[in-house]
Amino acid sequence: MDAFALALRVAYRMQADGVLQNHISKRYAGYDSGMGAKIEKRQTSLAELEKHALQSGEPEIRSGQQEKLENIINQYLVNVIKAS
């Protein structure tokens, strides 16, 4: 099986299982309300963003959980290859 076909099968299986949806929802939750929602709806200006950034200070550093996501993807690769 070529790499593109394998990747498509893995992506399909991951999408069908919804395995990344929870992570994506948490990662971008800041765009559901407040300034994030205004940015997404294009209802703010650079001046307003600057003011918000200066008032808010440094953002909280949170893990993107890259290693966890890589392991999930690798496990799906292994499972799809086994099933082939």
PDB file of N, CA and C in Angstrom:
ATOM      1  N   MET A   1       0.863  -1.169   0.000  1.00  0.00           N
ATOM      2  CA  MET A   1       0.000   0.000   0.000  1.00  0.00           C
ATOM      3  C   MET A   1       0.908   1.230   0.000  1.00  0.00           C
ATOM      4  N   ASP A   2       0.604   2.195  -0.839  1.00  0.00           N
ATOM      5  CA  ASP A   2       1.457   3.379  -0.859  1.00  0.00           C
ATOM      6  C   ASP A   2       1.137   4.292   0.325  1.00  0.00           C
ATOM      7  N   ALA A   3       2.030   5.230   0.568  1.00  0.00           N
ATOM      8  CA  ALA A   3       1.935   6.096   1.750  1.00  0.00           C
ATOM      9  C   ALA A   3       0.665   6.939   1.760  1.00  0.00           C
ATOM     10  N   PHE A   4       0.253   7.422   0.593  1.00  0.00           N
ATOM     11  CA  PHE A   4      -0.948   8.261   0.539  1.00  0.00           C
ATOM     12  C   PHE A   4      -2.210   7.464   0.877  1.00  0.00           C
ATOM     13  N   ALA A   5      -2.295   6.263   0.359  1.00  0.00           N
ATOM     14  CA  ALA A   5      -3.458   5.420   0.650  1.00  0.00           C
ATOM     15  C   ALA A   5      -3.498   5.055   2.132  1.00  0.00           C
ATOM     16  N   LEU A   6      -2.340   4.734   2.689  1.00  0.00           N
ATOM     17  CA  LEU A   6      -2.269   4.411   4.113  1.00  0.00           C
ATOM     18  C   LEU A   6      -2.678   5.616   4.958  1.00  0.00           C
ATOM     19  N   ALA A   7      -2.156   6.779   4.613  1.00  0.00           N
ATOM     20  CA  ALA A   7      -2.496   7.999   5.357  1.00  0.00           C
ATOM     21  C   ALA A   7      -3.989   8.293   5.283  1.00  0.00           C
ATOM     22  N   LEU A   8      -4.587   8.078   4.129  1.00  0.00           N
ATOM     23  CA  LEU A   8      -6.024   8.302   3.976  1.00  0.00           C
ATOM     24  C   LEU A   8      -6.821   7.346   4.860  1.00  0.00           C
ATOM     25  N   ARG A   9      -6.415   6.091   4.895  1.00  0.00           N
ATOM     26  CA  ARG A   9      -7.114   5.120   5.738  1.00  0.00           C
ATOM     27  C   ARG A   9      -6.972   5.465   7.218  1.00  0.00           C
ATOM     28  N   VAL A  10      -5.780   5.889   7.621  1.00  0.00           N
ATOM     29  CA  VAL A  10      -5.558   6.278   9.019  1.00  0.00           C
ATOM     30  C   VAL A  10      -6.394   7.505   9.359  1.00  0.00           C
ATOM     31  N   ALA A  11      -6.365   8.504   8.490  1.00  0.00           N
ATOM     32  CA  ALA A  11      -7.137   9.731   8.734  1.00  0.00           C
ATOM     33  C   ALA A  11      -8.631   9.433   8.802  1.00  0.00           C
ATOM     34  N   TYR A  12      -9.108   8.573   7.922  1.00  0.00           N
ATOM     35  CA  TYR A  12     -10.529   8.201   7.935  1.00  0.00           C
ATOM     36  C   TYR A  12     -10.899   7.539   9.259  1.00  0.00           C
ATOM     37  N   ARG A  13     -10.069   6.606   9.695  1.00  0.00           N
ATOM     38  CA  ARG A  13     -10.349   5.882  10.942  1.00  0.00           C
ATOM     39  C   ARG A  13     -10.323   6.832  12.142  1.00  0.00           C
ATOM     40  N   MET A  14      -9.354   7.735  12.161  1.00  0.00           N
ATOM     41  CA  MET A  14      -9.260   8.692  13.269  1.00  0.00           C
ATOM     42  C   MET A  14     -10.460   9.632  13.276  1.00  0.00           C
ATOM     43  N   GLN A  15     -10.881  10.066  12.104  1.00  0.00           N
ATOM     44  CA  GLN A  15     -12.049  10.949  11.999  1.00  0.00           C
ATOM     45  C   GLN A  15     -13.310  10.213  12.440  1.00  0.00           C
ATOM     46  N   ALA A  16     -13.460   8.992  11.988  1.00  0.00           N
ATOM     47  CA  ALA A  16     -14.642   8.205  12.345  1.00  0.00           C
ATOM     48  C   ALA A  16     -14.709   7.946  13.847  1.00  0.00           C
ATOM     49  N   ASP A  17     -13.558   7.728  14.471  1.00  0.00           N
ATOM     50  CA  ASP A  17     -13.507   7.472  15.913  1.00  0.00           C
ATOM     51  C   ASP A  17     -13.587   8.752  16.740  1.00  0.00           C
ATOM     52  N   GLY A  18     -13.386   9.906  16.103  1.00  0.00           N
ATOM     53  CA  GLY A  18     -13.428  11.179  16.821  1.00  0.00           C
ATOM     54  C   GLY A  18     -12.300  11.339  17.822  1.00  0.00           C
ATOM     55  N   VAL A  19     -11.198  10.663  17.576  1.00  0.00           N
ATOM     56  CA  VAL A  19     -10.111  10.607  18.549  1.00  0.00           C
ATOM     57  C   VAL A  19      -9.448  11.959  18.811  1.00  0.00           C
ATOM     58  N   LEU A  20      -9.430  12.841  17.843  1.00  0.00           N
ATOM     59  CA  LEU A  20      -8.775  14.139  18.026  1.00  0.00           C
ATOM     60  C   LEU A  20      -9.748  15.261  18.374  1.00  0.00           C
ATOM     61  N   GLN A  21     -11.035  15.022  18.256  1.00  0.00           N
ATOM     62  CA  GLN A  21     -12.011  16.094  18.424  1.00  0.00           C
ATOM     63  C   GLN A  21     -11.953  16.730  19.808  1.00  0.00           C
ATOM     64  N   ASN A  22     -11.821  15.923  20.852  1.00  0.00           N
ATOM     65  CA  ASN A  22     -11.759  16.455  22.214  1.00  0.00           C
ATOM     66  C   ASN A  22     -10.526  17.340  22.385  1.00  0.00           C
ATOM     67  N   HIS A  23      -9.392  16.880  21.862  1.00  0.00           N
ATOM     68  CA  HIS A  23      -8.160  17.670  21.956  1.00  0.00           C
ATOM     69  C   HIS A  23      -8.301  18.995  21.209  1.00  0.00           C
ATOM     70  N   ILE A  24      -8.855  18.949  20.017  1.00  0.00           N
ATOM     71  CA  ILE A  24      -9.029  20.163  19.217  1.00  0.00           C
ATOM     72  C   ILE A  24      -9.974  21.130  19.918  1.00  0.00           C
ATOM     73  N   SER A  25     -11.055  20.610  20.472  1.00  0.00           N
ATOM     74  CA  SER A  25     -12.016  21.466  21.183  1.00  0.00           C
ATOM     75  C   SER A  25     -11.368  22.168  22.368  1.00  0.00           C
ATOM     76  N   LYS A  26     -10.569  21.429  23.145  1.00  0.00           N
ATOM     77  CA  LYS A  26      -9.883  22.028  24.296  1.00  0.00           C
ATOM     78  C   LYS A  26      -8.830  23.036  23.848  1.00  0.00           C
ATOM     79  N   ARG A  27      -8.081  22.691  22.807  1.00  0.00           N
ATOM     80  CA  ARG A  27      -6.982  23.536  22.343  1.00  0.00           C
ATOM     81  C   ARG A  27      -7.488  24.904  21.887  1.00  0.00           C
ATOM     82  N   TYR A  28      -8.626  24.941  21.220  1.00  0.00           N
ATOM     83  CA  TYR A  28      -9.136  26.190  20.656  1.00  0.00           C
ATOM     84  C   TYR A  28     -10.360  26.723  21.392  1.00  0.00           C
ATOM     85  N   ALA A  29     -10.567  26.305  22.643  1.00  0.00           N
ATOM     86  CA  ALA A  29     -11.722  26.739  23.436  1.00  0.00           C
ATOM     87  C   ALA A  29     -11.731  28.248  23.644  1.00  0.00           C
ATOM     88  N   GLY A  30     -10.581  28.880  23.627  1.00  0.00           N
ATOM     89  CA  GLY A  30     -10.501  30.325  23.813  1.00  0.00           C
ATOM     90  C   GLY A  30     -11.178  31.122  22.708  1.00  0.00           C
ATOM     91  N   TYR A  31     -11.463  30.479  21.598  1.00  0.00           N
ATOM     92  CA  TYR A  31     -12.129  31.167  20.490  1.00  0.00           C
ATOM     93  C   TYR A  31     -13.652  31.057  20.570  1.00  0.00           C
ATOM     94  N   ASP A  32     -14.145  30.425  21.627  1.00  0.00           N
ATOM     95  CA  ASP A  32     -15.596  30.273  21.783  1.00  0.00           C
ATOM     96  C   ASP A  32     -16.246  31.478  22.453  1.00  0.00           C
ATOM     97  N   SER A  33     -15.461  32.288  23.157  1.00  0.00           N
ATOM     98  CA  SER A  33     -16.029  33.438  23.869  1.00  0.00           C
ATOM     99  C   SER A  33     -14.977  34.533  24.015  1.00  0.00           C
ATOM    100  N   GLY A  34     -15.418  35.677  24.484  1.00  0.00           N
ATOM    101  CA  GLY A  34     -14.507  36.781  24.762  1.00  0.00           C
ATOM    102  C   GLY A  34     -13.769  37.282  23.532  1.00  0.00           C
ATOM    103  N   MET A  35     -12.510  37.655  23.749  1.00  0.00           N
ATOM    104  CA  MET A  35     -11.691  38.215  22.674  1.00  0.00           C
ATOM    105  C   MET A  35     -11.477  37.202  21.551  1.00  0.00           C
ATOM    106  N   GLY A  36     -11.331  35.933  21.907  1.00  0.00           N
ATOM    107  CA  GLY A  36     -11.149  34.901  20.885  1.00  0.00           C
ATOM    108  C   GLY A  36     -12.307  34.850  19.907  1.00  0.00           C
ATOM    109  N   ALA A  37     -13.525  34.959  20.422  1.00  0.00           N
ATOM    110  CA  ALA A  37     -14.710  34.957  19.552  1.00  0.00           C
ATOM    111  C   ALA A  37     -14.731  36.202  18.671  1.00  0.00           C
ATOM    112  N   LYS A  38     -14.316  37.335  19.239  1.00  0.00           N
ATOM    113  CA  LYS A  38     -14.276  38.566  18.439  1.00  0.00           C
ATOM    114  C   LYS A  38     -13.249  38.448  17.310  1.00  0.00           C
ATOM    115  N   ILE A  39     -12.119  37.830  17.600  1.00  0.00           N
ATOM    116  CA  ILE A  39     -11.092  37.630  16.573  1.00  0.00           C
ATOM    117  C   ILE A  39     -11.648  36.745  15.463  1.00  0.00           C
ATOM    118  N   GLU A  40     -12.259  35.643  15.854  1.00  0.00           N
ATOM    119  CA  GLU A  40     -12.786  34.699  14.872  1.00  0.00           C
ATOM    120  C   GLU A  40     -13.862  35.323  13.990  1.00  0.00           C
ATOM    121  N   LYS A  41     -14.659  36.219  14.566  1.00  0.00           N
ATOM    122  CA  LYS A  41     -15.734  36.873  13.811  1.00  0.00           C
ATOM    123  C   LYS A  41     -15.269  38.156  13.121  1.00  0.00           C
ATOM    124  N   ARG A  42     -13.969  38.444  13.244  1.00  0.00           N
ATOM    125  CA  ARG A  42     -13.375  39.652  12.638  1.00  0.00           C
ATOM    126  C   ARG A  42     -14.063  40.922  13.130  1.00  0.00           C
ATOM    127  N   GLN A  43     -14.306  40.976  14.437  1.00  0.00           N
ATOM    128  CA  GLN A  43     -14.988  42.115  15.040  1.00  0.00           C
ATOM    129  C   GLN A  43     -14.062  42.912  15.958  1.00  0.00           C
ATOM    130  N   THR A  44     -12.776  42.891  15.694  1.00  0.00           N
ATOM    131  CA  THR A  44     -11.823  43.614  16.526  1.00  0.00           C
ATOM    132  C   THR A  44     -10.770  44.270  15.644  1.00  0.00           C
ATOM    133  N   SER A  45      -9.997  45.150  16.245  1.00  0.00           N
ATOM    134  CA  SER A  45      -8.940  45.852  15.503  1.00  0.00           C
ATOM    135  C   SER A  45      -7.591  45.548  16.151  1.00  0.00           C
ATOM    136  N   LEU A  46      -6.524  45.904  15.453  1.00  0.00           N
ATOM    137  CA  LEU A  46      -5.191  45.721  16.021  1.00  0.00           C
ATOM    138  C   LEU A  46      -5.016  46.554  17.283  1.00  0.00           C
ATOM    139  N   ALA A  47      -5.579  47.744  17.299  1.00  0.00           N
ATOM    140  CA  ALA A  47      -5.477  48.601  18.486  1.00  0.00           C
ATOM    141  C   ALA A  47      -6.164  47.941  19.683  1.00  0.00           C
ATOM    142  N   GLU A  48      -7.337  47.362  19.452  1.00  0.00           N
ATOM    143  CA  GLU A  48      -8.052  46.687  20.535  1.00  0.00           C
ATOM    144  C   GLU A  48      -7.296  45.440  20.996  1.00  0.00           C
ATOM    145  N   LEU A  49      -6.703  44.721  20.054  1.00  0.00           N
ATOM    146  CA  LEU A  49      -5.914  43.543  20.406  1.00  0.00           C
ATOM    147  C   LEU A  49      -4.681  43.929  21.217  1.00  0.00           C
ATOM    148  N   GLU A  50      -4.043  45.030  20.827  1.00  0.00           N
ATOM    149  CA  GLU A  50      -2.879  45.506  21.575  1.00  0.00           C
ATOM    150  C   GLU A  50      -3.275  45.853  23.007  1.00  0.00           C
ATOM    151  N   LYS A  51      -4.363  46.573  23.161  1.00  0.00           N
ATOM    152  CA  LYS A  51      -4.848  46.957  24.490  1.00  0.00           C
ATOM    153  C   LYS A  51      -5.148  45.707  25.327  1.00  0.00           C
ATOM    154  N   HIS A  52      -5.806  44.748  24.714  1.00  0.00           N
ATOM    155  CA  HIS A  52      -6.144  43.500  25.409  1.00  0.00           C
ATOM    156  C   HIS A  52      -4.870  42.768  25.842  1.00  0.00           C
ATOM    157  N   ALA A  53      -3.888  42.687  24.953  1.00  0.00           N
ATOM    158  CA  ALA A  53      -2.638  41.992  25.268  1.00  0.00           C
ATOM    159  C   ALA A  53      -1.893  42.678  26.406  1.00  0.00           C
ATOM    160  N   LEU A  54      -1.862  44.001  26.388  1.00  0.00           N
ATOM    161  CA  LEU A  54      -1.167  44.739  27.444  1.00  0.00           C
ATOM    162  C   LEU A  54      -1.868  44.577  28.789  1.00  0.00           C
ATOM    163  N   GLN A  55      -3.180  44.528  28.785  1.00  0.00           N
ATOM    164  CA  GLN A  55      -3.940  44.366  30.030  1.00  0.00           C
ATOM    165  C   GLN A  55      -3.873  42.934  30.556  1.00  0.00           C
ATOM    166  N   SER A  56      -3.814  41.983  29.658  1.00  0.00           N
ATOM    167  CA  SER A  56      -3.861  40.573  30.057  1.00  0.00           C
ATOM    168  C   SER A  56      -2.521  40.044  30.543  1.00  0.00           C
ATOM    169  N   GLY A  57      -1.435  40.632  30.082  1.00  0.00           N
ATOM    170  CA  GLY A  57      -0.118  40.132  30.464  1.00  0.00           C
ATOM    171  C   GLY A  57       0.234  38.850  29.726  1.00  0.00           C
ATOM    172  N   GLU A  58       1.213  38.150  30.273  1.00  0.00           N
ATOM    173  CA  GLU A  58       1.690  36.925  29.636  1.00  0.00           C
ATOM    174  C   GLU A  58       0.633  35.826  29.726  1.00  0.00           C
ATOM    175  N   PRO A  59       0.445  35.090  28.636  1.00  0.00           N
ATOM    176  CA  PRO A  59      -0.533  33.996  28.672  1.00  0.00           C
ATOM    177  C   PRO A  59      -0.002  32.818  29.491  1.00  0.00           C
ATOM    178  N   GLU A  60      -0.921  32.020  29.992  1.00  0.00           N
ATOM    179  CA  GLU A  60      -0.559  30.804  30.720  1.00  0.00           C
ATOM    180  C   GLU A  60       0.027  29.805  29.729  1.00  0.00           C
ATOM    181  N   ILE A  61       1.144  29.226  30.083  1.00  0.00           N
ATOM    182  CA  ILE A  61       1.776  28.239  29.207  1.00  0.00           C
ATOM    183  C   ILE A  61       1.127  26.883  29.465  1.00  0.00           C
ATOM    184  N   ARG A  62       0.593  26.296  28.398  1.00  0.00           N
ATOM    185  CA  ARG A  62      -0.048  24.986  28.486  1.00  0.00           C
ATOM    186  C   ARG A  62       0.589  24.047  27.482  1.00  0.00           C
ATOM    187  N   SER A  63       0.659  22.801  27.838  1.00  0.00           N
ATOM    188  CA  SER A  63       1.222  21.797  26.948  1.00  0.00           C
ATOM    189  C   SER A  63       0.312  21.582  25.744  1.00  0.00           C
ATOM    190  N   GLY A  64       0.917  21.468  24.579  1.00  0.00           N
ATOM    191  CA  GLY A  64       0.164  21.120  23.380  1.00  0.00           C
ATOM    192  C   GLY A  64      -0.033  19.618  23.256  1.00  0.00           C
ATOM    193  N   GLN A  65       0.577  18.866  24.171  1.00  0.00           N
ATOM    194  CA  GLN A  65       0.485  17.407  24.226  1.00  0.00           C
ATOM    195  C   GLN A  65       0.911  16.753  22.919  1.00  0.00           C
ATOM    196  N   GLN A  66       1.980  17.284  22.329  1.00  0.00           N
ATOM    197  CA  GLN A  66       2.453  16.779  21.046  1.00  0.00           C
ATOM    198  C   GLN A  66       2.822  15.299  21.114  1.00  0.00           C
ATOM    199  N   GLU A  67       3.557  14.907  22.159  1.00  0.00           N
ATOM    200  CA  GLU A  67       3.984  13.514  22.255  1.00  0.00           C
ATOM    201  C   GLU A  67       2.783  12.573  22.359  1.00  0.00           C
ATOM    202  N   LYS A  68       1.777  12.974  23.113  1.00  0.00           N
ATOM    203  CA  LYS A  68       0.566  12.158  23.251  1.00  0.00           C
ATOM    204  C   LYS A  68      -0.119  11.992  21.896  1.00  0.00           C
ATOM    205  N   LEU A  69      -0.228  13.085  21.151  1.00  0.00           N
ATOM    206  CA  LEU A  69      -0.872  13.023  19.835  1.00  0.00           C
ATOM    207  C   LEU A  69      -0.062  12.183  18.858  1.00  0.00           C
ATOM    208  N   GLU A  70       1.264  12.296  18.918  1.00  0.00           N
ATOM    209  CA  GLU A  70       2.110  11.468  18.053  1.00  0.00           C
ATOM    210  C   GLU A  70       1.902   9.991  18.358  1.00  0.00           C
ATOM    211  N   ASN A  71       1.793   9.651  19.644  1.00  0.00           N
ATOM    212  CA  ASN A  71       1.554   8.257  20.026  1.00  0.00           C
ATOM    213  C   ASN A  71       0.196   7.760  19.544  1.00  0.00           C
ATOM    214  N   ILE A  72      -0.808   8.610  19.617  1.00  0.00           N
ATOM    215  CA  ILE A  72      -2.141   8.227  19.125  1.00  0.00           C
ATOM    216  C   ILE A  72      -2.084   7.949  17.626  1.00  0.00           C
ATOM    217  N   ILE A  73      -1.445   8.842  16.882  1.00  0.00           N
ATOM    218  CA  ILE A  73      -1.334   8.665  15.428  1.00  0.00           C
ATOM    219  C   ILE A  73      -0.545   7.400  15.104  1.00  0.00           C
ATOM    220  N   ASN A  74       0.565   7.183  15.810  1.00  0.00           N
ATOM    221  CA  ASN A  74       1.365   5.978  15.573  1.00  0.00           C
ATOM    222  C   ASN A  74       0.573   4.712  15.861  1.00  0.00           C
ATOM    223  N   GLN A  75      -0.237   4.727  16.913  1.00  0.00           N
ATOM    224  CA  GLN A  75      -1.044   3.552  17.232  1.00  0.00           C
ATOM    225  C   GLN A  75      -2.070   3.282  16.128  1.00  0.00           C
ATOM    226  N   TYR A  76      -2.655   4.342  15.597  1.00  0.00           N
ATOM    227  CA  TYR A  76      -3.591   4.162  14.480  1.00  0.00           C
ATOM    228  C   TYR A  76      -2.868   3.617  13.253  1.00  0.00           C
ATOM    229  N   LEU A  77      -1.655   4.092  12.993  1.00  0.00           N
ATOM    230  CA  LEU A  77      -0.871   3.563  11.869  1.00  0.00           C
ATOM    231  C   LEU A  77      -0.656   2.062  12.030  1.00  0.00           C
ATOM    232  N   VAL A  78      -0.224   1.666  13.213  1.00  0.00           N
ATOM    233  CA  VAL A  78       0.035   0.250  13.474  1.00  0.00           C
ATOM    234  C   VAL A  78      -1.239  -0.568  13.286  1.00  0.00           C
ATOM    235  N   ASN A  79      -2.342  -0.093  13.834  1.00  0.00           N
ATOM    236  CA  ASN A  79      -3.601  -0.838  13.734  1.00  0.00           C
ATOM    237  C   ASN A  79      -4.097  -0.955  12.294  1.00  0.00           C
ATOM    238  N   VAL A  80      -3.965   0.108  11.515  1.00  0.00           N
ATOM    239  CA  VAL A  80      -4.409   0.063  10.115  1.00  0.00           C
ATOM    240  C   VAL A  80      -3.507  -0.859   9.302  1.00  0.00           C
ATOM    241  N   ILE A  81      -2.209  -0.820   9.568  1.00  0.00           N
ATOM    242  CA  ILE A  81      -1.287  -1.710   8.850  1.00  0.00           C
ATOM    243  C   ILE A  81      -1.594  -3.167   9.190  1.00  0.00           C
ATOM    244  N   LYS A  82      -1.846  -3.453  10.470  1.00  0.00           N
ATOM    245  CA  LYS A  82      -2.186  -4.824  10.882  1.00  0.00           C
ATOM    246  C   LYS A  82      -3.457  -5.315  10.191  1.00  0.00           C
ATOM    247  N   ALA A  83      -4.424  -4.422  10.037  1.00  0.00           N
ATOM    248  CA  ALA A  83      -5.710  -4.797   9.441  1.00  0.00           C
ATOM    249  C   ALA A  83      -5.624  -4.979   7.929  1.00  0.00           C
ATOM    250  N   SER A  84      -4.550  -4.496   7.316  1.00  0.00           N
ATOM    251  CA  SER A  84      -4.418  -4.565   5.845  1.00  0.00           C
ATOM    252  C   SER A  84      -4.034  -5.946   5.370  1.00  0.00           C
TER     253      SER A  84
END
